[in-house]
Amino acid sequence: MLADVENLASILNMPPEVAAGALTIYRKATKAHLFRRRRAEVIAGVVTYAACRTNAYPCSACEVARPNHLDPAQIAKLADALARKLNLELLPEDPASYIPRFCAELQLPRRVEERARVVLTKAVEYGITIGKPAHAVAAGVLYFATKHEQSGRTQKEIAEVTCVAASSLREYYATLLREIPPGLWAVTAPKIYHRTPEE
């Protein structure tokens, strides 16, 4: 079982503290006999996702479930149940925390990340993020930013990295385009202060 947890953490390139957290949660759960009649792959997914949430590391249930072809909804549900039984604090997921990692994996330039952050801020202000998974919101604003910055990344590439269906990316793009006034998409350049001779 420990090997399954370690293997999943390796596949997902988890930071050392998250991987260690997953192993700690696994040991606590095993000691409390909380994983009876569960497949090893499911157990690994549950403790890994729980470790991500307790460490505020941006990795969705979909990403955790994908390597072993598991159901993301089941992973999230079991992680919530595990947290209650072990008194773990699963921190809320923040769309903003996903953007740097997605940009890094897609090798996107800084200007795309900056625009994605601006669009995310406006999406929050306009209530477009309500009821949507954090990673899906991040994927949507990133797709929007890549199109307007002409980054060269395809819809398929973004969908693969973010674990969000291409159809969902298109739908969110259309929503952002419809709901946010065009003048609010721009990335505001920093004001440059010039000293006068008298100063």
C-alpha atoms as a PDB file:
ATOM      1  CA  MET A   1       0.000   0.000   0.000  1.00  0.00           C
ATOM      2  CA  LEU A   2       2.763   2.459   0.878  1.00  0.00           C
ATOM      3  CA  ALA A   3       4.318   1.769  -2.497  1.00  0.00           C
ATOM      4  CA  ASP A   4       1.060   2.731  -4.227  1.00  0.00           C
ATOM      5  CA  VAL A   5       0.980   6.044  -2.367  1.00  0.00           C
ATOM      6  CA  GLU A   6       4.630   6.754  -3.158  1.00  0.00           C
ATOM      7  CA  ASN A   7       4.145   5.812  -6.813  1.00  0.00           C
ATOM      8  CA  LEU A   8       1.164   8.118  -7.233  1.00  0.00           C
ATOM      9  CA  ALA A   9       3.012  10.999  -5.598  1.00  0.00           C
ATOM     10  CA  SER A  10       5.899  10.401  -8.004  1.00  0.00           C
ATOM     11  CA  ILE A  11       3.636  10.318 -11.064  1.00  0.00           C
ATOM     12  CA  LEU A  12       2.028  13.591 -10.019  1.00  0.00           C
ATOM     13  CA  ASN A  13       5.382  15.227  -9.182  1.00  0.00           C
ATOM     14  CA  MET A  14       4.205  16.104  -5.702  1.00  0.00           C
ATOM     15  CA  PRO A  15       6.395  18.333  -3.511  1.00  0.00           C
ATOM     16  CA  PRO A  16       8.183  16.368  -0.742  1.00  0.00           C
ATOM     17  CA  GLU A  17       5.961  17.780   2.006  1.00  0.00           C
ATOM     18  CA  VAL A  18       2.786  16.703   0.197  1.00  0.00           C
ATOM     19  CA  ALA A  19       4.138  13.223  -0.523  1.00  0.00           C
ATOM     20  CA  ALA A  20       5.181  12.863   3.110  1.00  0.00           C
ATOM     21  CA  GLY A  21       1.778  14.119   4.198  1.00  0.00           C
ATOM     22  CA  ALA A  22       0.052  11.460   2.111  1.00  0.00           C
ATOM     23  CA  LEU A  23       2.105   8.733   3.789  1.00  0.00           C
ATOM     24  CA  THR A  24       1.333  10.135   7.239  1.00  0.00           C
ATOM     25  CA  ILE A  25      -2.394  10.232   6.505  1.00  0.00           C
ATOM     26  CA  TYR A  26      -2.225   6.684   5.157  1.00  0.00           C
ATOM     27  CA  ARG A  27      -0.579   5.422   8.348  1.00  0.00           C
ATOM     28  CA  LYS A  28      -3.138   7.175  10.548  1.00  0.00           C
ATOM     29  CA  ALA A  29      -6.036   5.823   8.494  1.00  0.00           C
ATOM     30  CA  THR A  30      -4.619   2.301   8.524  1.00  0.00           C
ATOM     31  CA  LYS A  31      -4.137   2.412  12.281  1.00  0.00           C
ATOM     32  CA  ALA A  32      -7.774   3.481  12.651  1.00  0.00           C
ATOM     33  CA  HIS A  33      -8.919   0.686  10.286  1.00  0.00           C
ATOM     34  CA  LEU A  34     -10.626   3.138   7.941  1.00  0.00           C
ATOM     35  CA  PHE A  35      -9.781   1.460   4.648  1.00  0.00           C
ATOM     36  CA  ARG A  36     -11.419  -1.931   4.809  1.00  0.00           C
ATOM     37  CA  ARG A  37     -12.319  -3.477   1.458  1.00  0.00           C
ATOM     38  CA  ARG A  38     -10.871  -0.610  -0.566  1.00  0.00           C
ATOM     39  CA  ARG A  39      -8.607  -1.094  -3.566  1.00  0.00           C
ATOM     40  CA  ALA A  40      -5.009   0.025  -3.148  1.00  0.00           C
ATOM     41  CA  GLU A  41      -5.363   2.526  -6.004  1.00  0.00           C
ATOM     42  CA  VAL A  42      -8.381   4.138  -4.372  1.00  0.00           C
ATOM     43  CA  ILE A  43      -6.637   4.386  -1.002  1.00  0.00           C
ATOM     44  CA  ALA A  44      -3.607   5.994  -2.634  1.00  0.00           C
ATOM     45  CA  GLY A  45      -5.816   8.493  -4.426  1.00  0.00           C
ATOM     46  CA  VAL A  46      -7.767   9.411  -1.304  1.00  0.00           C
ATOM     47  CA  VAL A  47      -4.771  10.013   0.976  1.00  0.00           C
ATOM     48  CA  THR A  48      -2.916  11.884  -1.779  1.00  0.00           C
ATOM     49  CA  TYR A  49      -5.835  14.196  -2.446  1.00  0.00           C
ATOM     50  CA  ALA A  50      -6.310  14.733   1.281  1.00  0.00           C
ATOM     51  CA  ALA A  51      -2.613  15.616   1.590  1.00  0.00           C
ATOM     52  CA  CYS A  52      -2.941  18.126  -1.240  1.00  0.00           C
ATOM     53  CA  ARG A  53      -5.858  19.808   0.496  1.00  0.00           C
ATOM     54  CA  THR A  54      -4.256  19.879   3.947  1.00  0.00           C
ATOM     55  CA  ASN A  55      -1.116  21.436   2.439  1.00  0.00           C
ATOM     56  CA  ALA A  56      -2.995  23.876   0.168  1.00  0.00           C
ATOM     57  CA  TYR A  57      -1.263  22.321  -2.839  1.00  0.00           C
ATOM     58  CA  PRO A  58      -3.154  22.881  -6.111  1.00  0.00           C
ATOM     59  CA  CYS A  59      -3.967  19.422  -7.452  1.00  0.00           C
ATOM     60  CA  SER A  60      -7.561  18.523  -8.243  1.00  0.00           C
ATOM     61  CA  ALA A  61      -9.365  15.271  -7.517  1.00  0.00           C
ATOM     62  CA  CYS A  62      -9.501  14.766 -11.283  1.00  0.00           C
ATOM     63  CA  GLU A  63      -5.707  14.934 -11.571  1.00  0.00           C
ATOM     64  CA  VAL A  64      -5.251  12.565  -8.636  1.00  0.00           C
ATOM     65  CA  ALA A  65      -7.788  10.097 -10.029  1.00  0.00           C
ATOM     66  CA  ARG A  66      -6.556  10.134 -13.640  1.00  0.00           C
ATOM     67  CA  PRO A  67      -3.403   7.927 -13.424  1.00  0.00           C
ATOM     68  CA  ASN A  68      -5.397   4.950 -12.096  1.00  0.00           C
ATOM     69  CA  HIS A  69      -8.617   5.697 -14.005  1.00  0.00           C
ATOM     70  CA  LEU A  70     -10.611   6.368 -10.834  1.00  0.00           C
ATOM     71  CA  ASP A  71     -13.752   8.424 -10.270  1.00  0.00           C
ATOM     72  CA  PRO A  72     -12.790  11.963  -9.139  1.00  0.00           C
ATOM     73  CA  ALA A  73     -16.106  12.422  -7.330  1.00  0.00           C
ATOM     74  CA  GLN A  74     -15.485   9.260  -5.317  1.00  0.00           C
ATOM     75  CA  ILE A  75     -11.960  10.395  -4.422  1.00  0.00           C
ATOM     76  CA  ALA A  76     -13.234  13.776  -3.210  1.00  0.00           C
ATOM     77  CA  LYS A  77     -16.099  12.211  -1.249  1.00  0.00           C
ATOM     78  CA  LEU A  78     -13.865   9.662   0.466  1.00  0.00           C
ATOM     79  CA  ALA A  79     -11.276  12.337   1.262  1.00  0.00           C
ATOM     80  CA  ASP A  80     -13.965  14.425   2.961  1.00  0.00           C
ATOM     81  CA  ALA A  81     -15.090  11.414   4.994  1.00  0.00           C
ATOM     82  CA  LEU A  82     -11.500  10.600   5.916  1.00  0.00           C
ATOM     83  CA  ALA A  83     -10.884  14.171   7.027  1.00  0.00           C
ATOM     84  CA  ARG A  84     -13.860  14.064   9.366  1.00  0.00           C
ATOM     85  CA  LYS A  85     -12.722  10.814  10.964  1.00  0.00           C
ATOM     86  CA  LEU A  86      -9.101  11.907  11.365  1.00  0.00           C
ATOM     87  CA  ASN A  87      -9.864  15.549  12.193  1.00  0.00           C
ATOM     88  CA  LEU A  88      -7.962  16.803   9.174  1.00  0.00           C
ATOM     89  CA  GLU A  89      -8.472  20.334   7.901  1.00  0.00           C
ATOM     90  CA  LEU A  90      -9.060  20.260   4.157  1.00  0.00           C
ATOM     91  CA  LEU A  91      -8.322  23.794   3.042  1.00  0.00           C
ATOM     92  CA  PRO A  92     -10.510  25.429   0.381  1.00  0.00           C
ATOM     93  CA  GLU A  93      -9.141  25.242  -3.137  1.00  0.00           C
ATOM     94  CA  ASP A  94      -8.183  28.560  -4.712  1.00  0.00           C
ATOM     95  CA  PRO A  95      -8.283  28.982  -8.519  1.00  0.00           C
ATOM     96  CA  ALA A  96      -5.412  31.493  -8.324  1.00  0.00           C
ATOM     97  CA  SER A  97      -3.092  28.841  -6.880  1.00  0.00           C
ATOM     98  CA  TYR A  98      -3.542  26.640  -9.948  1.00  0.00           C
ATOM     99  CA  ILE A  99      -2.559  29.268 -12.493  1.00  0.00           C
ATOM    100  CA  PRO A 100       1.248  29.290 -11.920  1.00  0.00           C
ATOM    101  CA  ARG A 101       1.477  25.491 -12.053  1.00  0.00           C
ATOM    102  CA  PHE A 102      -0.651  25.201 -15.167  1.00  0.00           C
ATOM    103  CA  CYS A 103       1.387  27.952 -16.841  1.00  0.00           C
ATOM    104  CA  ALA A 104       4.633  26.222 -15.930  1.00  0.00           C
ATOM    105  CA  GLU A 105       3.484  22.851 -17.264  1.00  0.00           C
ATOM    106  CA  LEU A 106       2.257  24.457 -20.486  1.00  0.00           C
ATOM    107  CA  GLN A 107       5.420  26.595 -20.718  1.00  0.00           C
ATOM    108  CA  LEU A 108       3.399  29.749 -21.165  1.00  0.00           C
ATOM    109  CA  PRO A 109       4.989  33.217 -21.099  1.00  0.00           C
ATOM    110  CA  ARG A 110       4.571  35.579 -18.174  1.00  0.00           C
ATOM    111  CA  ARG A 111       2.109  37.791 -20.050  1.00  0.00           C
ATOM    112  CA  VAL A 112      -0.374  34.908 -20.279  1.00  0.00           C
ATOM    113  CA  GLU A 113      -0.227  34.297 -16.526  1.00  0.00           C
ATOM    114  CA  GLU A 114      -0.695  38.004 -15.850  1.00  0.00           C
ATOM    115  CA  ARG A 115      -3.744  38.215 -18.100  1.00  0.00           C
ATOM    116  CA  ALA A 116      -5.193  35.043 -16.588  1.00  0.00           C
ATOM    117  CA  ARG A 117      -4.921  36.585 -13.117  1.00  0.00           C
ATOM    118  CA  VAL A 118      -6.654  39.768 -14.280  1.00  0.00           C
ATOM    119  CA  VAL A 119      -9.468  37.796 -15.900  1.00  0.00           C
ATOM    120  CA  LEU A 120      -9.824  35.640 -12.772  1.00  0.00           C
ATOM    121  CA  THR A 121     -10.183  38.733 -10.604  1.00  0.00           C
ATOM    122  CA  LYS A 122     -12.946  40.026 -12.854  1.00  0.00           C
ATOM    123  CA  ALA A 123     -14.613  36.616 -13.014  1.00  0.00           C
ATOM    124  CA  VAL A 124     -14.781  36.579  -9.212  1.00  0.00           C
ATOM    125  CA  GLU A 125     -16.158  40.130  -9.140  1.00  0.00           C
ATOM    126  CA  TYR A 126     -18.867  39.222 -11.651  1.00  0.00           C
ATOM    127  CA  GLY A 127     -19.793  36.009  -9.827  1.00  0.00           C
ATOM    128  CA  ILE A 128     -18.803  33.759 -12.731  1.00  0.00           C
ATOM    129  CA  THR A 129     -16.767  31.415 -10.513  1.00  0.00           C
ATOM    130  CA  ILE A 130     -19.610  30.522  -8.135  1.00  0.00           C
ATOM    131  CA  GLY A 131     -20.310  26.791  -7.972  1.00  0.00           C
ATOM    132  CA  LYS A 132     -17.423  25.824 -10.244  1.00  0.00           C
ATOM    133  CA  PRO A 133     -14.411  23.685  -9.225  1.00  0.00           C
ATOM    134  CA  ALA A 134     -11.286  25.734  -8.577  1.00  0.00           C
ATOM    135  CA  HIS A 135      -9.162  23.909 -11.164  1.00  0.00           C
ATOM    136  CA  ALA A 136     -11.879  24.330 -13.792  1.00  0.00           C
ATOM    137  CA  VAL A 137     -12.092  28.070 -13.137  1.00  0.00           C
ATOM    138  CA  ALA A 138      -8.308  28.343 -13.434  1.00  0.00           C
ATOM    139  CA  ALA A 139      -8.365  26.347 -16.659  1.00  0.00           C
ATOM    140  CA  GLY A 140     -11.123  28.525 -18.077  1.00  0.00           C
ATOM    141  CA  VAL A 141      -9.424  31.863 -17.432  1.00  0.00           C
ATOM    142  CA  LEU A 142      -6.124  30.430 -18.647  1.00  0.00           C
ATOM    143  CA  TYR A 143      -7.723  29.270 -21.891  1.00  0.00           C
ATOM    144  CA  PHE A 144      -9.218  32.737 -22.264  1.00  0.00           C
ATOM    145  CA  ALA A 145      -5.801  34.321 -21.691  1.00  0.00           C
ATOM    146  CA  THR A 146      -4.005  32.025 -24.138  1.00  0.00           C
ATOM    147  CA  LYS A 147      -6.465  32.891 -26.893  1.00  0.00           C
ATOM    148  CA  HIS A 148      -6.173  36.629 -26.352  1.00  0.00           C
ATOM    149  CA  GLU A 149      -2.402  36.510 -26.011  1.00  0.00           C
ATOM    150  CA  GLN A 150      -2.036  34.156 -28.990  1.00  0.00           C
ATOM    151  CA  SER A 151       0.203  31.814 -27.013  1.00  0.00           C
ATOM    152  CA  GLY A 152       0.073  29.034 -29.563  1.00  0.00           C
ATOM    153  CA  ARG A 153      -1.233  26.433 -27.106  1.00  0.00           C
ATOM    154  CA  THR A 154      -4.140  24.382 -28.369  1.00  0.00           C
ATOM    155  CA  GLN A 155      -7.401  23.698 -26.616  1.00  0.00           C
ATOM    156  CA  LYS A 156      -6.466  20.023 -26.442  1.00  0.00           C
ATOM    157  CA  GLU A 157      -3.138  20.746 -24.742  1.00  0.00           C
ATOM    158  CA  ILE A 158      -4.771  22.942 -22.106  1.00  0.00           C
ATOM    159  CA  ALA A 159      -7.519  20.390 -21.493  1.00  0.00           C
ATOM    160  CA  GLU A 160      -4.942  17.630 -21.006  1.00  0.00           C
ATOM    161  CA  VAL A 161      -2.823  19.534 -18.499  1.00  0.00           C
ATOM    162  CA  THR A 162      -5.706  20.998 -16.493  1.00  0.00           C
ATOM    163  CA  CYS A 163      -7.875  17.860 -16.489  1.00  0.00           C
ATOM    164  CA  VAL A 164     -10.841  19.840 -17.797  1.00  0.00           C
ATOM    165  CA  ALA A 165     -12.851  18.779 -20.845  1.00  0.00           C
ATOM    166  CA  ALA A 166     -12.339  20.827 -23.993  1.00  0.00           C
ATOM    167  CA  SER A 167     -16.088  21.433 -24.181  1.00  0.00           C
ATOM    168  CA  SER A 168     -15.989  22.940 -20.683  1.00  0.00           C
ATOM    169  CA  LEU A 169     -13.141  25.247 -21.715  1.00  0.00           C
ATOM    170  CA  ARG A 170     -15.165  26.488 -24.681  1.00  0.00           C
ATOM    171  CA  GLU A 171     -18.245  26.994 -22.525  1.00  0.00           C
ATOM    172  CA  TYR A 172     -16.353  28.962 -19.877  1.00  0.00           C
ATOM    173  CA  TYR A 173     -14.631  31.040 -22.546  1.00  0.00           C
ATOM    174  CA  ALA A 174     -18.023  31.975 -24.002  1.00  0.00           C
ATOM    175  CA  THR A 175     -19.300  32.887 -20.535  1.00  0.00           C
ATOM    176  CA  LEU A 176     -16.324  35.133 -19.810  1.00  0.00           C
ATOM    177  CA  LEU A 177     -16.637  36.768 -23.220  1.00  0.00           C
ATOM    178  CA  ARG A 178     -20.335  37.413 -22.653  1.00  0.00           C
ATOM    179  CA  GLU A 179     -20.276  38.543 -19.017  1.00  0.00           C
ATOM    180  CA  ILE A 180     -17.091  40.625 -18.662  1.00  0.00           C
ATOM    181  CA  PRO A 181     -16.862  43.972 -20.514  1.00  0.00           C
ATOM    182  CA  PRO A 182     -13.944  43.883 -23.010  1.00  0.00           C
ATOM    183  CA  GLY A 183     -12.242  46.909 -21.460  1.00  0.00           C
ATOM    184  CA  LEU A 184     -11.690  44.965 -18.231  1.00  0.00           C
ATOM    185  CA  TRP A 185      -9.565  42.207 -19.760  1.00  0.00           C
ATOM    186  CA  ALA A 186      -6.480  44.331 -20.221  1.00  0.00           C
ATOM    187  CA  VAL A 187      -3.387  43.918 -18.095  1.00  0.00           C
ATOM    188  CA  THR A 188      -2.675  47.320 -16.612  1.00  0.00           C
ATOM    189  CA  ALA A 189       0.918  48.357 -17.081  1.00  0.00           C
ATOM    190  CA  PRO A 190       2.709  49.744 -14.023  1.00  0.00           C
ATOM    191  CA  LYS A 191       2.906  53.529 -13.905  1.00  0.00           C
ATOM    192  CA  ILE A 192       6.461  54.806 -14.381  1.00  0.00           C
ATOM    193  CA  TYR A 193       7.367  57.748 -12.203  1.00  0.00           C
ATOM    194  CA  HIS A 194       9.718  60.305 -13.735  1.00  0.00           C
ATOM    195  CA  ARG A 195      11.490  62.771 -11.505  1.00  0.00           C
ATOM    196  CA  THR A 196      11.464  66.397 -12.601  1.00  0.00           C
ATOM    197  CA  PRO A 197      14.646  68.507 -12.468  1.00  0.00           C
ATOM    198  CA  GLU A 198      13.215  70.433  -9.471  1.00  0.00           C
ATOM    199  CA  GLU A 199      12.804  67.269  -7.342  1.00  0.00           C
END
